[in-house]
C-alpha atoms as a PDB file:
ATOM      1  CA  UNK A   1      19.215 -17.496  25.912  1.00  0.00           C
ATOM      2  CA  UNK A   2      21.314 -14.893  27.827  1.00  0.00           C
ATOM      3  CA  UNK A   3      22.151 -11.914  25.671  1.00  0.00           C
ATOM      4  CA  UNK A   4      26.151 -12.376  25.191  1.00  0.00           C
ATOM      5  CA  UNK A   5      28.166 -10.478  22.617  1.00  0.00           C
ATOM      6  CA  UNK A   6      26.673 -12.199  19.283  1.00  0.00           C
ATOM      7  CA  UNK A   7      23.288 -11.734  20.764  1.00  0.00           C
ATOM      8  CA  UNK A   8      24.166  -7.723  20.955  1.00  0.00           C
ATOM      9  CA  UNK A   9      25.759  -7.792  17.578  1.00  0.00           C
ATOM     10  CA  UNK A  10      22.290  -9.601  16.554  1.00  0.00           C
ATOM     11  CA  UNK A  11      20.107  -6.932  18.279  1.00  0.00           C
ATOM     12  CA  UNK A  12      22.803  -3.693  16.894  1.00  0.00           C
ATOM     13  CA  UNK A  13      22.093  -4.909  12.839  1.00  0.00           C
ATOM     14  CA  UNK A  14      18.654  -5.543  13.295  1.00  0.00           C
ATOM     15  CA  UNK A  15      17.964  -1.819  14.693  1.00  0.00           C
ATOM     16  CA  UNK A  16      20.440  -0.781  12.103  1.00  0.00           C
ATOM     17  CA  UNK A  17      19.082  -2.595   9.130  1.00  0.00           C
ATOM     18  CA  UNK A  18      15.292  -3.226  10.459  1.00  0.00           C
ATOM     19  CA  UNK A  19      14.376  -0.504  12.807  1.00  0.00           C
ATOM     20  CA  UNK A  20      11.081  -1.566  12.444  1.00  0.00           C
ATOM     21  CA  UNK A  21      11.211  -5.501  13.520  1.00  0.00           C
ATOM     22  CA  UNK A  22      13.732  -4.350  15.805  1.00  0.00           C
ATOM     23  CA  UNK A  23      10.902  -2.039  17.286  1.00  0.00           C
ATOM     24  CA  UNK A  24       8.367  -5.038  17.167  1.00  0.00           C
ATOM     25  CA  UNK A  25      10.774  -7.136  19.097  1.00  0.00           C
ATOM     26  CA  UNK A  26      11.720  -4.228  21.461  1.00  0.00           C
ATOM     27  CA  UNK A  27       7.537  -4.327  22.120  1.00  0.00           C
ATOM     28  CA  UNK A  28       8.342  -8.016  22.853  1.00  0.00           C
ATOM     29  CA  UNK A  29       8.319 -10.166  26.125  1.00  0.00           C
ATOM     30  CA  UNK A  30      11.724  -9.925  26.721  1.00  0.00           C
ATOM     31  CA  UNK A  31      12.254 -14.632  26.947  1.00  0.00           C
ATOM     32  CA  UNK A  32      10.770 -13.747  23.243  1.00  0.00           C
ATOM     33  CA  UNK A  33      14.143 -11.299  22.124  1.00  0.00           C
ATOM     34  CA  UNK A  34      16.807 -13.272  21.694  1.00  0.00           C
ATOM     35  CA  UNK A  35      15.461 -16.103  19.108  1.00  0.00           C
ATOM     36  CA  UNK A  36      14.014 -13.175  17.047  1.00  0.00           C
ATOM     37  CA  UNK A  37      17.239 -10.871  16.932  1.00  0.00           C
ATOM     38  CA  UNK A  38      19.016 -13.903  15.857  1.00  0.00           C
ATOM     39  CA  UNK A  39      16.528 -15.154  12.882  1.00  0.00           C
ATOM     40  CA  UNK A  40      15.923 -10.923  11.947  1.00  0.00           C
ATOM     41  CA  UNK A  41      19.742 -10.382  11.896  1.00  0.00           C
ATOM     42  CA  UNK A  42      20.211 -13.851   9.799  1.00  0.00           C
ATOM     43  CA  UNK A  43      17.534 -12.182   7.085  1.00  0.00           C
ATOM     44  CA  UNK A  44      19.232  -8.866   7.120  1.00  0.00           C
ATOM     45  CA  UNK A  45      22.472 -10.578   6.392  1.00  0.00           C
ATOM     46  CA  UNK A  46      20.630 -12.909   3.604  1.00  0.00           C
ATOM     47  CA  UNK A  47      18.749 -10.263   1.917  1.00  0.00           C
ATOM     48  CA  UNK A  48      21.823  -7.735   1.514  1.00  0.00           C
ATOM     49  CA  UNK A  49      24.266 -10.577   0.498  1.00  0.00           C
ATOM     50  CA  UNK A  50      22.935 -10.268  -3.289  1.00  0.00           C
ATOM     51  CA  UNK A  51      23.440  -6.331  -3.072  1.00  0.00           C
ATOM     52  CA  UNK A  52      26.601  -5.739  -1.801  1.00  0.00           C
ATOM     53  CA  UNK A  53      28.231  -6.410  -4.554  1.00  0.00           C
ATOM     54  CA  UNK A  54      27.565  -6.597  -8.797  1.00  0.00           C
ATOM     55  CA  UNK A  55      29.240  -9.726  -9.208  1.00  0.00           C
ATOM     56  CA  UNK A  56      26.725 -12.499  -9.391  1.00  0.00           C
ATOM     57  CA  UNK A  57      29.270 -15.444  -8.963  1.00  0.00           C
ATOM     58  CA  UNK A  58      30.520 -13.822  -5.519  1.00  0.00           C
ATOM     59  CA  UNK A  59      26.813 -12.699  -4.431  1.00  0.00           C
ATOM     60  CA  UNK A  60      26.057 -16.381  -5.700  1.00  0.00           C
ATOM     61  CA  UNK A  61      28.872 -17.634  -2.992  1.00  0.00           C
ATOM     62  CA  UNK A  62      27.466 -14.948  -0.064  1.00  0.00           C
ATOM     63  CA  UNK A  63      24.021 -17.434  -0.193  1.00  0.00           C
ATOM     64  CA  UNK A  64      25.744 -20.606  -0.987  1.00  0.00           C
ATOM     65  CA  UNK A  65      28.031 -20.014   2.242  1.00  0.00           C
ATOM     66  CA  UNK A  66      24.380 -19.011   4.147  1.00  0.00           C
ATOM     67  CA  UNK A  67      23.067 -22.572   3.155  1.00  0.00           C
ATOM     68  CA  UNK A  68      25.961 -23.958   4.662  1.00  0.00           C
ATOM     69  CA  UNK A  69      25.471 -22.777   7.759  1.00  0.00           C
ATOM     70  CA  UNK A  70      21.549 -23.915   7.778  1.00  0.00           C
ATOM     71  CA  UNK A  71      23.004 -26.930   6.809  1.00  0.00           C
ATOM     72  CA  UNK A  72      25.015 -27.755   9.349  1.00  0.00           C
ATOM     73  CA  UNK A  73      22.267 -26.462  12.048  1.00  0.00           C
ATOM     74  CA  UNK A  74      19.777 -28.974  10.278  1.00  0.00           C
ATOM     75  CA  UNK A  75      22.067 -31.754  10.456  1.00  0.00           C
ATOM     76  CA  UNK A  76      23.081 -30.807  13.664  1.00  0.00           C
ATOM     77  CA  UNK A  77      26.998 -31.217  13.098  1.00  0.00           C
ATOM     78  CA  UNK A  78      29.786 -29.090  13.950  1.00  0.00           C
ATOM     79  CA  UNK A  79      28.342 -25.447  13.657  1.00  0.00           C
ATOM     80  CA  UNK A  80      30.542 -22.730  12.215  1.00  0.00           C
ATOM     81  CA  UNK A  81      31.752 -20.010  14.641  1.00  0.00           C
ATOM     82  CA  UNK A  82      29.497 -16.721  13.488  1.00  0.00           C
ATOM     83  CA  UNK A  83      27.942 -13.714  15.731  1.00  0.00           C
ATOM     84  CA  UNK A  84      24.874 -14.468  13.172  1.00  0.00           C
ATOM     85  CA  UNK A  85      25.125 -18.437  12.821  1.00  0.00           C
ATOM     86  CA  UNK A  86      26.379 -19.475  16.851  1.00  0.00           C
ATOM     87  CA  UNK A  87      22.657 -18.205  18.318  1.00  0.00           C
ATOM     88  CA  UNK A  88      20.768 -19.225  15.516  1.00  0.00           C
ATOM     89  CA  UNK A  89      22.004 -22.686  15.676  1.00  0.00           C
ATOM     90  CA  UNK A  90      20.585 -22.218  19.406  1.00  0.00           C
ATOM     91  CA  UNK A  91      16.944 -21.641  18.386  1.00  0.00           C
ATOM     92  CA  UNK A  92      16.485 -23.435  15.080  1.00  0.00           C
ATOM     93  CA  UNK A  93      15.403 -27.161  14.757  1.00  0.00           C
ATOM     94  CA  UNK A  94      16.094 -29.177  11.850  1.00  0.00           C
ATOM     95  CA  UNK A  95      12.722 -27.475  10.115  1.00  0.00           C
ATOM     96  CA  UNK A  96      12.952 -24.482  11.087  1.00  0.00           C
ATOM     97  CA  UNK A  97      16.873 -24.317   9.376  1.00  0.00           C
ATOM     98  CA  UNK A  98      15.184 -26.149   5.805  1.00  0.00           C
ATOM     99  CA  UNK A  99      12.607 -22.899   6.042  1.00  0.00           C
ATOM    100  CA  UNK A 100      15.093 -20.189   6.338  1.00  0.00           C
ATOM    101  CA  UNK A 101      17.216 -22.635   3.420  1.00  0.00           C
ATOM    102  CA  UNK A 102      14.496 -22.371   1.217  1.00  0.00           C
ATOM    103  CA  UNK A 103      14.401 -18.376   1.699  1.00  0.00           C
ATOM    104  CA  UNK A 104      18.292 -18.058   1.081  1.00  0.00           C
ATOM    105  CA  UNK A 105      17.277 -19.988  -2.231  1.00  0.00           C
ATOM    106  CA  UNK A 106      14.301 -17.219  -2.881  1.00  0.00           C
ATOM    107  CA  UNK A 107      17.127 -14.686  -2.648  1.00  0.00           C
ATOM    108  CA  UNK A 108      18.596 -15.691  -5.700  1.00  0.00           C
ATOM    109  CA  UNK A 109      16.281 -13.221  -7.301  1.00  0.00           C
ATOM    110  CA  UNK A 110      17.761 -10.480  -6.246  1.00  0.00           C
ATOM    111  CA  UNK A 111      20.731 -10.883  -7.361  1.00  0.00           C
ATOM    112  CA  UNK A 112      19.903 -10.857 -11.290  1.00  0.00           C
ATOM    113  CA  UNK A 113      17.600  -8.671 -13.553  1.00  0.00           C
ATOM    114  CA  UNK A 114      15.343 -10.713 -14.582  1.00  0.00           C
ATOM    115  CA  UNK A 115      11.837  -9.856 -13.816  1.00  0.00           C
ATOM    116  CA  UNK A 116       9.436 -12.677 -12.020  1.00  0.00           C
ATOM    117  CA  UNK A 117       7.991 -15.068 -14.776  1.00  0.00           C
ATOM    118  CA  UNK A 118       4.539 -14.607 -13.380  1.00  0.00           C
ATOM    119  CA  UNK A 119       2.139 -14.317 -10.938  1.00  0.00           C
ATOM    120  CA  UNK A 120       2.744 -17.745  -9.197  1.00  0.00           C
ATOM    121  CA  UNK A 121       6.661 -16.965  -9.238  1.00  0.00           C
ATOM    122  CA  UNK A 122       6.240 -13.668  -7.549  1.00  0.00           C
ATOM    123  CA  UNK A 123       3.664 -15.370  -4.730  1.00  0.00           C
ATOM    124  CA  UNK A 124       6.263 -18.026  -3.772  1.00  0.00           C
ATOM    125  CA  UNK A 125       9.221 -15.703  -3.946  1.00  0.00           C
ATOM    126  CA  UNK A 126       7.184 -13.778  -0.839  1.00  0.00           C
ATOM    127  CA  UNK A 127       5.703 -17.075   0.734  1.00  0.00           C
ATOM    128  CA  UNK A 128       9.533 -18.000   1.193  1.00  0.00           C
ATOM    129  CA  UNK A 129      11.061 -14.886   1.920  1.00  0.00           C
ATOM    130  CA  UNK A 130       8.518 -13.105   4.446  1.00  0.00           C
ATOM    131  CA  UNK A 131       6.181 -16.126   5.310  1.00  0.00           C
ATOM    132  CA  UNK A 132       9.302 -18.283   6.191  1.00  0.00           C
ATOM    133  CA  UNK A 133      10.963 -15.850   8.101  1.00  0.00           C
ATOM    134  CA  UNK A 134       7.810 -15.422   9.984  1.00  0.00           C
ATOM    135  CA  UNK A 135       7.177 -18.849  10.150  1.00  0.00           C
ATOM    136  CA  UNK A 136      10.851 -19.673  11.710  1.00  0.00           C
ATOM    137  CA  UNK A 137      10.627 -16.764  14.429  1.00  0.00           C
ATOM    138  CA  UNK A 138       7.141 -18.081  15.378  1.00  0.00           C
ATOM    139  CA  UNK A 139       8.416 -21.915  15.581  1.00  0.00           C
ATOM    140  CA  UNK A 140      11.346 -20.752  17.723  1.00  0.00           C
ATOM    141  CA  UNK A 141       9.197 -19.869  20.241  1.00  0.00           C
ATOM    142  CA  UNK A 142       6.985 -22.741  20.532  1.00  0.00           C
ATOM    143  CA  UNK A 143       4.636 -24.952  18.531  1.00  0.00           C
ATOM    144  CA  UNK A 144       2.518 -22.839  16.332  1.00  0.00           C
ATOM    145  CA  UNK A 145       0.147 -23.827  13.199  1.00  0.00           C
ATOM    146  CA  UNK A 146       1.358 -23.258  10.035  1.00  0.00           C
ATOM    147  CA  UNK A 147      -1.456 -21.811   8.084  1.00  0.00           C
ATOM    148  CA  UNK A 148      -2.398 -18.455   9.932  1.00  0.00           C
ATOM    149  CA  UNK A 149       1.331 -17.339  10.245  1.00  0.00           C
ATOM    150  CA  UNK A 150       1.997 -17.991   6.544  1.00  0.00           C
ATOM    151  CA  UNK A 151      -0.850 -16.310   5.366  1.00  0.00           C
ATOM    152  CA  UNK A 152       0.325 -13.683   8.115  1.00  0.00           C
ATOM    153  CA  UNK A 153       3.935 -13.415   6.303  1.00  0.00           C
ATOM    154  CA  UNK A 154       2.363 -13.115   2.960  1.00  0.00           C
ATOM    155  CA  UNK A 155       0.443 -10.280   4.127  1.00  0.00           C
ATOM    156  CA  UNK A 156       3.173  -8.730   5.297  1.00  0.00           C
ATOM    157  CA  UNK A 157       5.710  -9.326   2.207  1.00  0.00           C
ATOM    158  CA  UNK A 158       2.924  -7.963  -0.379  1.00  0.00           C
ATOM    159  CA  UNK A 159       2.885  -4.616   2.459  1.00  0.00           C
ATOM    160  CA  UNK A 160       7.009  -4.606   2.771  1.00  0.00           C
ATOM    161  CA  UNK A 161       7.572  -5.209  -1.109  1.00  0.00           C
ATOM    162  CA  UNK A 162       5.129  -2.324  -2.205  1.00  0.00           C
ATOM    163  CA  UNK A 163       6.686  -0.246  -0.304  1.00  0.00           C
ATOM    164  CA  UNK A 164      10.123  -1.197  -1.849  1.00  0.00           C
ATOM    165  CA  UNK A 165       8.560  -0.776  -5.217  1.00  0.00           C
ATOM    166  CA  UNK A 166      10.733   2.927  -5.956  1.00  0.00           C
ATOM    167  CA  UNK A 167      13.641   1.690  -4.441  1.00  0.00           C
ATOM    168  CA  UNK A 168      13.896  -1.432  -6.901  1.00  0.00           C
ATOM    169  CA  UNK A 169      12.971   0.221  -9.613  1.00  0.00           C
ATOM    170  CA  UNK A 170      15.744   2.644  -9.146  1.00  0.00           C
ATOM    171  CA  UNK A 171      18.271  -0.208  -8.634  1.00  0.00           C
ATOM    172  CA  UNK A 172      17.288  -1.528 -12.208  1.00  0.00           C
ATOM    173  CA  UNK A 173      14.749  -4.022 -11.035  1.00  0.00           C
ATOM    174  CA  UNK A 174      10.959  -4.793 -12.126  1.00  0.00           C
ATOM    175  CA  UNK A 175       9.668  -5.443  -9.286  1.00  0.00           C
ATOM    176  CA  UNK A 176       6.089  -6.148 -10.068  1.00  0.00           C
ATOM    177  CA  UNK A 177       4.314  -8.547 -12.700  1.00  0.00           C
ATOM    178  CA  UNK A 178       2.029  -5.923 -13.718  1.00  0.00           C
ATOM    179  CA  UNK A 179       2.266  -2.448 -13.092  1.00  0.00           C
ATOM    180  CA  UNK A 180      -1.431  -1.029 -14.076  1.00  0.00           C
ATOM    181  CA  UNK A 181      -3.089   0.271 -11.202  1.00  0.00           C
ATOM    182  CA  UNK A 182      -5.567  -1.933 -11.402  1.00  0.00           C
ATOM    183  CA  UNK A 183      -3.027  -5.071 -11.089  1.00  0.00           C
ATOM    184  CA  UNK A 184      -1.430  -2.917  -8.143  1.00  0.00           C
ATOM    185  CA  UNK A 185      -5.122  -2.577  -6.222  1.00  0.00           C
ATOM    186  CA  UNK A 186      -5.597  -6.293  -6.445  1.00  0.00           C
ATOM    187  CA  UNK A 187      -2.008  -7.124  -5.060  1.00  0.00           C
ATOM    188  CA  UNK A 188      -3.042  -4.805  -2.593  1.00  0.00           C
ATOM    189  CA  UNK A 189      -5.963  -6.338  -1.946  1.00  0.00           C
ATOM    190  CA  UNK A 190      -4.876 -10.218  -2.233  1.00  0.00           C
ATOM    191  CA  UNK A 191      -2.498  -8.789   0.919  1.00  0.00           C
ATOM    192  CA  UNK A 192      -5.755  -8.075   2.739  1.00  0.00           C
ATOM    193  CA  UNK A 193      -7.548 -11.137   2.390  1.00  0.00           C
ATOM    194  CA  UNK A 194      -4.273 -12.504   3.617  1.00  0.00           C
ATOM    195  CA  UNK A 195      -4.542 -10.805   6.402  1.00  0.00           C
ATOM    196  CA  UNK A 196      -7.794 -11.412   7.268  1.00  0.00           C
ATOM    197  CA  UNK A 197      -7.360 -15.564   6.658  1.00  0.00           C
ATOM    198  CA  UNK A 198      -4.316 -14.876   9.473  1.00  0.00           C
ATOM    199  CA  UNK A 199      -6.461 -12.674  11.831  1.00  0.00           C
ATOM    200  CA  UNK A 200      -9.333 -14.772  11.548  1.00  0.00           C
ATOM    201  CA  UNK A 201      -7.423 -18.101  12.628  1.00  0.00           C
ATOM    202  CA  UNK A 202      -5.832 -15.876  15.444  1.00  0.00           C
ATOM    203  CA  UNK A 203      -7.246 -18.097  18.383  1.00  0.00           C
ATOM    204  CA  UNK A 204      -5.648 -20.743  16.693  1.00  0.00           C
ATOM    205  CA  UNK A 205      -2.176 -19.046  17.818  1.00  0.00           C
ATOM    206  CA  UNK A 206      -0.682 -19.683  21.081  1.00  0.00           C
ATOM    207  CA  UNK A 207       0.306 -16.241  23.229  1.00  0.00           C
ATOM    208  CA  UNK A 208       4.124 -17.947  23.555  1.00  0.00           C
ATOM    209  CA  UNK A 209       4.480 -17.173  19.846  1.00  0.00           C
ATOM    210  CA  UNK A 210       2.685 -14.532  18.845  1.00  0.00           C
ATOM    211  CA  UNK A 211       5.208 -11.404  19.172  1.00  0.00           C
ATOM    212  CA  UNK A 212       6.617 -13.294  16.052  1.00  0.00           C
ATOM    213  CA  UNK A 213       3.966 -11.873  14.559  1.00  0.00           C
ATOM    214  CA  UNK A 214       3.879  -8.146  15.955  1.00  0.00           C
ATOM    215  CA  UNK A 215       5.915  -6.780  12.470  1.00  0.00           C
ATOM    216  CA  UNK A 216       2.395  -7.396  10.856  1.00  0.00           C
ATOM    217  CA  UNK A 217       1.590  -3.969  12.845  1.00  0.00           C
ATOM    218  CA  UNK A 218       1.698  -1.747   9.676  1.00  0.00           C
ATOM    219  CA  UNK A 219       0.750  -3.991   7.392  1.00  0.00           C
ATOM    220  CA  UNK A 220      -3.051  -3.447   7.574  1.00  0.00           C
ATOM    221  CA  UNK A 221      -2.941   0.576   6.875  1.00  0.00           C
ATOM    222  CA  UNK A 222      -0.081   0.088   4.081  1.00  0.00           C
ATOM    223  CA  UNK A 223      -2.206  -2.420   1.904  1.00  0.00           C
ATOM    224  CA  UNK A 224      -5.051  -0.707   2.628  1.00  0.00           C
ATOM    225  CA  UNK A 225      -3.805   2.657   1.215  1.00  0.00           C
ATOM    226  CA  UNK A 226      -2.200   0.859  -1.670  1.00  0.00           C
ATOM    227  CA  UNK A 227      -5.647  -0.568  -2.524  1.00  0.00           C
ATOM    228  CA  UNK A 228      -7.191   3.051  -2.163  1.00  0.00           C
ATOM    229  CA  UNK A 229      -4.980   4.379  -4.120  1.00  0.00           C
ATOM    230  CA  UNK A 230      -2.597   2.741  -6.080  1.00  0.00           C
ATOM    231  CA  UNK A 231      -0.236   5.641  -7.538  1.00  0.00           C
ATOM    232  CA  UNK A 232       0.946   5.745  -3.851  1.00  0.00           C
ATOM    233  CA  UNK A 233       3.146   2.876  -4.328  1.00  0.00           C
ATOM    234  CA  UNK A 234       4.981   4.226  -7.778  1.00  0.00           C
ATOM    235  CA  UNK A 235       5.292   7.416  -5.620  1.00  0.00           C
ATOM    236  CA  UNK A 236       6.593   5.813  -2.573  1.00  0.00           C
ATOM    237  CA  UNK A 237       3.909   7.302  -0.341  1.00  0.00           C
ATOM    238  CA  UNK A 238       2.810   4.152   2.179  1.00  0.00           C
ATOM    239  CA  UNK A 239       4.279   4.967   4.817  1.00  0.00           C
ATOM    240  CA  UNK A 240       2.680   5.570   7.882  1.00  0.00           C
ATOM    241  CA  UNK A 241       3.471   8.447  10.511  1.00  0.00           C
ATOM    242  CA  UNK A 242       6.238   7.862  12.716  1.00  0.00           C
ATOM    243  CA  UNK A 243       3.300   8.911  15.752  1.00  0.00           C
ATOM    244  CA  UNK A 244       0.785   6.616  14.544  1.00  0.00           C
ATOM    245  CA  UNK A 245       3.114   3.872  13.538  1.00  0.00           C
ATOM    246  CA  UNK A 246       4.200   3.768  17.364  1.00  0.00           C
ATOM    247  CA  UNK A 247       1.064   4.377  18.613  1.00  0.00           C
ATOM    248  CA  UNK A 248      -0.238   0.896  16.500  1.00  0.00           C
ATOM    249  CA  UNK A 249       2.438  -0.928  17.675  1.00  0.00           C
ATOM    250  CA  UNK A 250       2.336  -0.164  21.551  1.00  0.00           C
ATOM    251  CA  UNK A 251      -1.510  -0.975  21.468  1.00  0.00           C
ATOM    252  CA  UNK A 252      -0.746  -4.032  19.494  1.00  0.00           C
ATOM    253  CA  UNK A 253       1.542  -5.407  21.600  1.00  0.00           C
ATOM    254  CA  UNK A 254      -0.742  -4.625  24.559  1.00  0.00           C
ATOM    255  CA  UNK A 255      -3.417  -6.014  23.251  1.00  0.00           C
ATOM    256  CA  UNK A 256      -2.067  -9.347  22.236  1.00  0.00           C
ATOM    257  CA  UNK A 257      -3.992  -8.738  19.054  1.00  0.00           C
ATOM    258  CA  UNK A 258      -1.949  -8.745  15.806  1.00  0.00           C
END
C-alpha cells in the first residue's frame, strides 16, 4: 500500500487522537506503517463513537455503522467509500474483520453508565478492545501466533485502562470492578503477569509482525508503578516522563525486543 490521501488522513487522525500509537508506528519499518495507521485510525473512530453524543441511540447507530463496514470487508462484497474503511479493506482478511467486529461490540459498554458485571466481564472488555486490536494489527503484517499477542494486548489494555481511571470517573463512569488499593494492585499484577507470559513467547513472534507490539513499550513501567503504589491510579500519576518514554521506545524499536 502507498500513502494516498486516505492513509495520510489516517496517519493524521492517529497523530491527533493516539499519539503513543502514532510514535510507535513512526518507529516501525516504513512498509508496516500503512496497515498500522489504517487499523489504529479505525480504533480511534470506534472508541470515540460512544463519547461524541449523549444520545445512546445515536451512539449505537455509530457503532453499528462500523459493524456494517466490517461485515462488508469480511464478506468481500462492495465496501463503502470512506477515508478509514477504504484502506482498512486492503489490510484486513475475514478473520481480522471478525476480530475488530468483536471490538466494536464490546465498545457498547462505553455508551452507558453501568459498571462491569464482574471481573470476567472486565477481562472480556480488555481482551476484545486491546487484545483484538493488537492481534488484528499483527495479523495484518503477517502470520502470528495468537496467544502471545493476546497476552500482550491484555497487558497494554490494563495499563492504559489504569491510566484512564481518573478521566473515566470524572465522566461519571465506574471503571473498576473494585477500587480498593489491594484490588488495584492485583489488577496491575495481572497485567504484569500477562506481559511476562507474552515476552516468554517472544521467540515465536516473527520479526515482520513485531511492529504491531511496539505500543507495548510503556506498559511495563505503568503497571509496575500501579503495583507498587495503587494510589497513583486515582491521582493520575502513572505516566512516564516524555524523555524516558522516547528513549524506551527507541530502544525497543532498535532491538525488536518489545
